[in-house]
Amino acid sequence: GSSFDSSIPTGDVELPAYTTIDVSAVWKLSPKLETYLAIDNLTDEQYEQFVGFEVRGIAPRLGIKLNY
């Protein structure tokens, strides 16, 4: 559903509802090492989470995690 936010320049603003799809996968390479891939906002939805701050488009992330 929609949400409300406010700022000094805009006052109270109703932000429209939005839906995003985020996906992620983790591959465990060893007991101490894993790699991951995540994609946020897969459908490239354009929205404002907070008034005046548009969320950028598709956001891919790739990483390695080392556990000691």
N, C-alpha and C. Protein backbone atom coordinates (compact mmCIF):
# COMPACT_ATOMS: atom_id res chain seq x y z
N GLY A 1 0.80 -1.17 0.00
CA GLY A 1 0.00 0.00 0.00
C GLY A 1 0.86 1.25 0.00
N SER A 2 0.22 2.35 -0.10
CA SER A 2 0.93 3.62 -0.10
C SER A 2 1.46 3.90 1.31
N SER A 3 2.37 4.86 1.38
CA SER A 3 2.94 5.24 2.67
C SER A 3 3.05 6.76 2.73
N PHE A 4 3.23 7.26 3.93
CA PHE A 4 3.36 8.71 4.11
C PHE A 4 4.78 9.03 4.56
N ASP A 5 5.29 10.16 4.10
CA ASP A 5 6.59 10.66 4.51
C ASP A 5 6.49 12.18 4.52
N SER A 6 7.47 12.83 5.06
CA SER A 6 7.45 14.30 5.05
C SER A 6 8.87 14.82 5.05
N SER A 7 9.00 16.04 4.58
CA SER A 7 10.27 16.75 4.64
C SER A 7 9.93 18.22 4.81
N ILE A 8 10.88 19.03 5.18
CA ILE A 8 10.62 20.45 5.37
C ILE A 8 10.16 21.10 4.07
N PRO A 9 10.82 20.86 2.91
CA PRO A 9 10.35 21.52 1.69
C PRO A 9 8.99 21.05 1.18
N THR A 10 8.65 19.76 1.41
CA THR A 10 7.42 19.22 0.82
C THR A 10 6.26 19.11 1.78
N GLY A 11 6.53 19.07 3.08
CA GLY A 11 5.47 18.77 4.04
C GLY A 11 5.09 17.31 3.94
N ASP A 12 3.88 16.97 4.37
CA ASP A 12 3.42 15.58 4.30
C ASP A 12 3.14 15.19 2.85
N VAL A 13 3.62 14.02 2.47
CA VAL A 13 3.45 13.52 1.10
C VAL A 13 3.03 12.06 1.17
N GLU A 14 2.05 11.69 0.35
CA GLU A 14 1.67 10.28 0.23
C GLU A 14 2.47 9.68 -0.93
N LEU A 15 3.27 8.68 -0.62
CA LEU A 15 4.07 8.00 -1.64
C LEU A 15 3.28 6.81 -2.17
N PRO A 16 3.26 6.62 -3.49
CA PRO A 16 2.49 5.50 -4.05
C PRO A 16 3.08 4.15 -3.67
N ALA A 17 2.22 3.14 -3.70
CA ALA A 17 2.64 1.77 -3.41
C ALA A 17 3.60 1.28 -4.50
N TYR A 18 4.45 0.33 -4.13
CA TYR A 18 5.37 -0.27 -5.10
C TYR A 18 5.66 -1.71 -4.68
N THR A 19 6.08 -2.50 -5.64
CA THR A 19 6.46 -3.89 -5.39
C THR A 19 7.80 -4.14 -6.05
N THR A 20 8.70 -4.76 -5.31
CA THR A 20 9.99 -5.11 -5.89
C THR A 20 10.20 -6.61 -5.75
N ILE A 21 11.05 -7.14 -6.62
CA ILE A 21 11.44 -8.55 -6.55
C ILE A 21 12.95 -8.58 -6.35
N ASP A 22 13.38 -9.23 -5.27
CA ASP A 22 14.80 -9.40 -4.97
C ASP A 22 15.09 -10.90 -4.97
N VAL A 23 16.21 -11.30 -5.55
CA VAL A 23 16.61 -12.71 -5.57
C VAL A 23 18.05 -12.82 -5.09
N SER A 24 18.38 -13.97 -4.50
CA SER A 24 19.75 -14.19 -4.06
C SER A 24 20.06 -15.68 -4.04
N ALA A 25 21.33 -15.99 -4.15
CA ALA A 25 21.80 -17.38 -4.10
C ALA A 25 23.15 -17.41 -3.39
N VAL A 26 23.37 -18.47 -2.64
CA VAL A 26 24.64 -18.64 -1.91
C VAL A 26 25.20 -20.01 -2.27
N TRP A 27 26.49 -20.06 -2.57
CA TRP A 27 27.18 -21.31 -2.85
C TRP A 27 28.25 -21.51 -1.80
N LYS A 28 28.14 -22.60 -1.05
CA LYS A 28 29.13 -22.91 -0.02
C LYS A 28 30.26 -23.70 -0.67
N LEU A 29 31.43 -23.08 -0.78
CA LEU A 29 32.57 -23.71 -1.44
C LEU A 29 33.36 -24.60 -0.50
N SER A 30 33.35 -24.29 0.79
CA SER A 30 34.01 -25.08 1.82
C SER A 30 33.37 -24.68 3.15
N PRO A 31 33.71 -25.33 4.26
CA PRO A 31 33.12 -24.95 5.54
C PRO A 31 33.37 -23.49 5.92
N LYS A 32 34.43 -22.91 5.40
CA LYS A 32 34.77 -21.53 5.77
C LYS A 32 34.59 -20.51 4.65
N LEU A 33 34.27 -20.96 3.44
CA LEU A 33 34.22 -20.05 2.31
C LEU A 33 32.93 -20.22 1.52
N GLU A 34 32.28 -19.10 1.25
CA GLU A 34 31.08 -19.13 0.41
C GLU A 34 31.07 -17.89 -0.48
N THR A 35 30.35 -18.02 -1.58
CA THR A 35 30.19 -16.90 -2.50
C THR A 35 28.69 -16.67 -2.69
N TYR A 36 28.32 -15.45 -3.01
CA TYR A 36 26.90 -15.15 -3.16
C TYR A 36 26.65 -14.22 -4.33
N LEU A 37 25.46 -14.28 -4.85
CA LEU A 37 24.97 -13.40 -5.91
C LEU A 37 23.58 -12.94 -5.49
N ALA A 38 23.34 -11.64 -5.56
CA ALA A 38 22.03 -11.09 -5.22
C ALA A 38 21.67 -10.02 -6.24
N ILE A 39 20.41 -9.95 -6.56
CA ILE A 39 19.91 -8.89 -7.45
C ILE A 39 18.70 -8.27 -6.78
N ASP A 40 18.81 -6.99 -6.46
CA ASP A 40 17.72 -6.24 -5.86
C ASP A 40 16.97 -5.49 -6.95
N ASN A 41 15.67 -5.39 -6.80
CA ASN A 41 14.81 -4.67 -7.75
C ASN A 41 14.93 -5.24 -9.16
N LEU A 42 14.77 -6.54 -9.26
CA LEU A 42 14.94 -7.27 -10.51
C LEU A 42 14.10 -6.72 -11.66
N THR A 43 12.92 -6.19 -11.36
CA THR A 43 12.03 -5.68 -12.41
C THR A 43 12.27 -4.20 -12.72
N ASP A 44 13.28 -3.60 -12.12
CA ASP A 44 13.65 -2.20 -12.37
C ASP A 44 12.50 -1.24 -12.04
N GLU A 45 11.81 -1.51 -10.94
CA GLU A 45 10.71 -0.66 -10.49
C GLU A 45 11.24 0.72 -10.09
N GLN A 46 10.59 1.78 -10.55
CA GLN A 46 10.97 3.14 -10.19
C GLN A 46 10.06 3.60 -9.05
N TYR A 47 10.65 3.95 -7.90
CA TYR A 47 9.84 4.35 -6.76
C TYR A 47 10.67 5.22 -5.81
N GLU A 48 9.97 5.85 -4.88
CA GLU A 48 10.62 6.60 -3.82
C GLU A 48 10.33 5.89 -2.50
N GLN A 49 11.37 5.45 -1.82
CA GLN A 49 11.19 4.84 -0.51
C GLN A 49 10.98 5.94 0.53
N PHE A 50 11.65 7.07 0.33
CA PHE A 50 11.52 8.25 1.17
C PHE A 50 11.32 9.44 0.24
N VAL A 51 10.55 10.42 0.64
CA VAL A 51 10.24 11.56 -0.21
C VAL A 51 11.53 12.23 -0.69
N GLY A 52 11.64 12.41 -2.02
CA GLY A 52 12.80 13.06 -2.61
C GLY A 52 13.97 12.16 -2.91
N PHE A 53 13.88 10.87 -2.59
CA PHE A 53 14.99 9.94 -2.82
C PHE A 53 14.52 8.79 -3.68
N GLU A 54 14.67 8.93 -5.00
CA GLU A 54 14.30 7.85 -5.90
C GLU A 54 15.30 6.70 -5.76
N VAL A 55 14.78 5.49 -5.77
CA VAL A 55 15.63 4.31 -5.68
C VAL A 55 16.18 4.02 -7.06
N ARG A 56 17.48 3.74 -7.12
CA ARG A 56 18.08 3.44 -8.42
C ARG A 56 17.52 2.14 -8.95
N GLY A 57 17.82 1.82 -10.18
CA GLY A 57 17.27 0.64 -10.84
C GLY A 57 17.78 -0.67 -10.29
N ILE A 58 17.99 -1.62 -11.15
CA ILE A 58 18.46 -2.95 -10.77
C ILE A 58 19.81 -2.83 -10.07
N ALA A 59 19.96 -3.54 -8.95
CA ALA A 59 21.19 -3.46 -8.16
C ALA A 59 21.78 -4.86 -7.93
N PRO A 60 22.70 -5.29 -8.81
CA PRO A 60 23.32 -6.60 -8.60
C PRO A 60 24.47 -6.52 -7.59
N ARG A 61 24.66 -7.60 -6.85
CA ARG A 61 25.77 -7.71 -5.90
C ARG A 61 26.38 -9.09 -6.01
N LEU A 62 27.68 -9.16 -5.95
CA LEU A 62 28.42 -10.42 -6.00
C LEU A 62 29.49 -10.34 -4.93
N GLY A 63 29.67 -11.39 -4.16
CA GLY A 63 30.65 -11.30 -3.10
C GLY A 63 31.15 -12.65 -2.64
N ILE A 64 32.15 -12.57 -1.79
CA ILE A 64 32.76 -13.76 -1.16
C ILE A 64 32.76 -13.51 0.34
N LYS A 65 32.40 -14.55 1.09
CA LYS A 65 32.37 -14.45 2.55
C LYS A 65 33.31 -15.51 3.12
N LEU A 66 34.22 -15.08 3.98
CA LEU A 66 35.17 -15.97 4.62
C LEU A 66 34.87 -15.99 6.11
N ASN A 67 34.59 -17.16 6.65
CA ASN A 67 34.31 -17.33 8.09
C ASN A 67 35.56 -17.85 8.78
N TYR A 68 35.93 -17.20 9.85
CA TYR A 68 37.11 -17.64 10.61
C TYR A 68 36.73 -18.64 11.66
